[in-house]
Amino acid sequence: MYASRTTQFIVGVFAILGIVALAILSLSLGKVEVLPSPGYTLYALFDNISGLKQSDQVQLAGVQIGKVVYIGLKNERAKIAIRINEGVPIDSEAIAAIKTSGIIGDKYVSIELGPSVRILKDGETIHHTQSAFVLEDAIGQLINSSGSSGSSKEEKSAAPDKDAKPAIPEPKK
């Protein structure tokens, strides 16, 4: 009725292999790195990083060169740390911008190189940044600006100025 020791051992080995495979799958799907990739870390300060998350991509010319590893606040501005892959130089005049894939897609950090010859080292800061474009804010501003300009035109036409002279001179008698 009881399984032999060999059968128990084989079942145990398969159970352990299944647990290891499940752990590897969950780490890879969750984009969790056990060991950091070789490279260096740069920092950047933004006024608004709306929608950017840790582990989002960092791209240069449309090619992934790293990822966002930290998001926090420093002096009421968003501070991010990005991990750049080894062998990818970023110069001191580079521009870091928060972009969106498509209209409502995921956010990512886009790096545009500058004309400088000085290459940033581990722990340095990218000083030129462009904050995220927030579609909801733009729509709100559009609605508010069109609503306020429409009401001011109506107010002007409803209350003519008493001192205003007519546009067409009256004929002389």
Protein backbone atom coordinates (compact mmCIF):
# COMPACT_ATOMS: atom_id res chain seq x y z
CA MET A 1 0.00 0.00 0.00
CA TYR A 2 2.81 2.44 0.78
CA ALA A 3 5.08 3.78 -1.98
CA SER A 4 8.68 2.68 -1.92
CA ARG A 5 11.45 5.08 -0.97
CA THR A 6 12.48 5.42 -4.62
CA THR A 7 8.97 6.47 -5.65
CA GLN A 8 8.77 8.97 -2.79
CA PHE A 9 12.15 10.40 -3.79
CA ILE A 10 11.10 10.81 -7.45
CA VAL A 11 7.82 12.49 -6.47
CA GLY A 12 9.74 14.82 -4.13
CA VAL A 13 12.20 15.78 -6.88
CA PHE A 14 9.35 16.59 -9.30
CA ALA A 15 7.57 18.65 -6.63
CA ILE A 16 10.72 20.68 -5.95
CA LEU A 17 11.30 21.20 -9.71
CA GLY A 18 7.69 22.38 -10.08
CA ILE A 19 8.08 24.89 -7.24
CA VAL A 20 11.36 26.21 -8.71
CA ALA A 21 9.75 26.55 -12.18
CA LEU A 22 6.79 28.40 -10.65
CA ALA A 23 9.15 30.78 -8.79
CA ILE A 24 11.15 31.53 -11.95
CA LEU A 25 7.96 32.13 -13.93
CA SER A 26 6.50 34.49 -11.33
CA LEU A 27 9.77 36.46 -11.06
CA SER A 28 10.05 36.84 -14.83
CA LEU A 29 6.39 37.83 -15.28
CA GLY A 30 6.62 40.26 -12.37
CA LYS A 31 9.77 41.78 -13.93
CA VAL A 32 11.69 41.23 -10.71
CA GLU A 33 15.46 40.92 -11.01
CA VAL A 34 17.25 38.85 -8.40
CA LEU A 35 20.63 40.19 -9.49
CA PRO A 36 20.88 43.68 -10.98
CA SER A 37 22.14 43.89 -14.54
CA PRO A 38 25.61 45.36 -15.02
CA GLY A 39 25.46 49.08 -15.59
CA TYR A 40 25.25 52.36 -13.75
CA THR A 41 22.59 54.51 -12.08
CA LEU A 42 21.67 58.07 -13.06
CA TYR A 43 19.17 60.41 -11.40
CA ALA A 44 16.75 63.01 -12.79
CA LEU A 45 14.27 65.49 -11.27
CA PHE A 46 10.90 66.16 -12.92
CA ASP A 47 7.95 68.44 -12.17
CA ASN A 48 5.49 65.68 -13.15
CA ILE A 49 6.04 61.97 -13.89
CA SER A 50 2.34 61.10 -14.05
CA GLY A 51 1.90 57.39 -14.76
CA LEU A 52 5.59 56.39 -14.65
CA LYS A 53 6.29 53.28 -12.56
CA GLN A 54 9.30 51.41 -11.30
CA SER A 55 10.62 48.91 -13.89
CA ASP A 56 9.35 51.03 -16.82
CA GLN A 57 11.72 51.23 -19.77
CA VAL A 58 14.44 53.76 -20.50
CA GLN A 59 14.97 54.22 -24.24
CA LEU A 60 17.55 55.85 -26.46
CA ALA A 61 16.56 56.20 -30.13
CA GLY A 62 13.69 53.76 -29.52
CA VAL A 63 15.97 51.03 -28.12
CA GLN A 64 15.68 49.91 -24.50
CA ILE A 65 18.89 50.80 -22.66
CA GLY A 66 17.72 50.46 -19.07
CA LYS A 67 14.85 50.79 -16.66
CA VAL A 68 13.45 52.92 -13.85
CA VAL A 69 14.62 51.54 -10.50
CA TYR A 70 13.43 54.18 -8.01
CA ILE A 71 10.74 56.87 -7.76
CA GLY A 72 10.56 59.33 -4.88
CA LEU A 73 10.30 63.01 -3.93
CA LYS A 74 13.07 65.56 -3.43
CA ASN A 75 12.24 69.21 -2.68
CA GLU A 76 8.65 68.80 -3.93
CA ARG A 77 9.83 67.41 -7.29
CA ALA A 78 9.73 63.83 -8.51
CA LYS A 79 13.14 62.16 -8.34
CA ILE A 80 13.76 59.03 -10.36
CA ALA A 81 16.74 56.72 -10.58
CA ILE A 82 17.36 54.93 -13.85
CA ARG A 83 19.65 51.97 -14.35
CA ILE A 84 21.52 52.28 -17.66
CA ASN A 85 22.99 49.15 -19.26
CA GLU A 86 26.76 48.80 -19.30
CA GLY A 87 28.41 50.21 -22.41
CA VAL A 88 25.75 52.88 -23.12
CA PRO A 89 27.28 56.34 -22.57
CA ILE A 90 25.00 59.25 -21.60
CA ASP A 91 26.52 62.74 -21.89
CA SER A 92 26.08 65.63 -19.47
CA GLU A 93 23.88 67.61 -21.92
CA ALA A 94 21.40 64.74 -22.45
CA ILE A 95 17.66 65.38 -22.10
CA ALA A 96 15.45 62.94 -20.17
CA ALA A 97 11.76 63.13 -21.09
CA ILE A 98 8.71 61.18 -19.92
CA LYS A 99 6.93 59.86 -23.01
CA THR A 100 3.91 57.65 -23.69
CA SER A 101 3.72 54.64 -25.98
CA GLY A 102 0.76 55.49 -28.21
CA ILE A 103 -2.07 57.72 -27.04
CA ILE A 104 -2.85 56.05 -23.71
CA GLY A 105 -0.06 53.48 -23.50
CA ASP A 106 2.63 52.86 -20.92
CA LYS A 107 5.02 55.61 -19.89
CA TYR A 108 8.77 55.40 -20.42
CA VAL A 109 11.84 57.60 -20.08
CA SER A 110 13.29 58.76 -23.38
CA ILE A 111 16.91 59.92 -23.45
CA GLU A 112 18.12 62.30 -26.15
CA LEU A 113 21.86 62.81 -26.27
CA GLY A 114 23.35 66.28 -26.34
CA PRO A 115 26.48 67.77 -27.88
CA SER A 116 28.66 67.38 -24.78
CA VAL A 117 31.72 65.19 -24.66
CA ARG A 118 31.61 64.68 -20.90
CA ILE A 119 30.03 61.31 -20.06
CA LEU A 120 27.95 60.98 -16.88
CA LYS A 121 29.24 58.56 -14.26
CA ASP A 122 27.43 56.37 -11.75
CA GLY A 123 25.37 58.47 -9.32
CA GLU A 124 25.34 61.70 -11.37
CA THR A 125 22.20 63.62 -12.36
CA ILE A 126 20.68 64.40 -15.75
CA HIS A 127 19.90 68.12 -15.43
CA HIS A 128 17.79 68.66 -18.57
CA THR A 129 14.34 67.09 -18.21
CA GLN A 130 10.87 67.30 -19.75
CA SER A 131 7.88 66.31 -17.63
CA ALA A 132 5.09 63.98 -18.68
CA PHE A 133 2.31 65.22 -20.95
CA VAL A 134 -0.95 64.62 -19.08
CA LEU A 135 -3.83 64.22 -21.53
CA GLU A 136 -6.48 64.90 -18.89
CA ASP A 137 -4.88 68.25 -17.97
CA ALA A 138 -4.69 69.30 -21.62
CA ILE A 139 -8.36 68.43 -22.21
CA GLY A 140 -9.33 70.33 -19.04
CA GLN A 141 -7.43 73.42 -20.18
CA LEU A 142 -9.01 73.22 -23.63
CA ILE A 143 -12.50 73.00 -22.16
CA ASN A 144 -11.86 75.84 -19.71
CA SER A 145 -10.33 78.15 -22.32
CA SER A 146 -13.11 77.58 -24.87
CA GLY A 147 -15.80 78.00 -22.20
CA SER A 148 -14.41 81.27 -20.88
CA SER A 149 -13.84 82.82 -24.32
CA GLY A 150 -17.37 81.97 -25.45
CA SER A 151 -19.01 83.65 -22.45
CA SER A 152 -16.95 86.82 -22.80
CA LYS A 153 -18.11 87.28 -26.42
CA GLU A 154 -21.73 86.99 -25.34
CA GLU A 155 -21.22 89.53 -22.58
CA LYS A 156 -19.67 92.01 -25.01
CA SER A 157 -22.48 91.70 -27.55
CA ALA A 158 -25.23 91.87 -24.90
CA ALA A 159 -24.00 95.14 -23.36
CA PRO A 160 -22.96 97.61 -26.08
CA ASP A 161 -20.82 100.55 -25.08
CA LYS A 162 -22.90 103.80 -24.83
CA ASP A 163 -19.97 106.02 -25.80
CA ALA A 164 -19.08 103.96 -28.85
CA LYS A 165 -19.40 105.74 -32.21
CA PRO A 166 -21.18 103.94 -35.05
CA ALA A 167 -18.97 102.21 -37.56
CA ILE A 168 -20.72 103.85 -40.55
CA PRO A 169 -20.94 107.64 -40.48
CA GLU A 170 -24.43 109.10 -40.76
CA PRO A 171 -25.19 110.95 -43.97
CA LYS A 172 -25.28 114.77 -43.77
CA LYS A 173 -28.57 116.55 -44.48
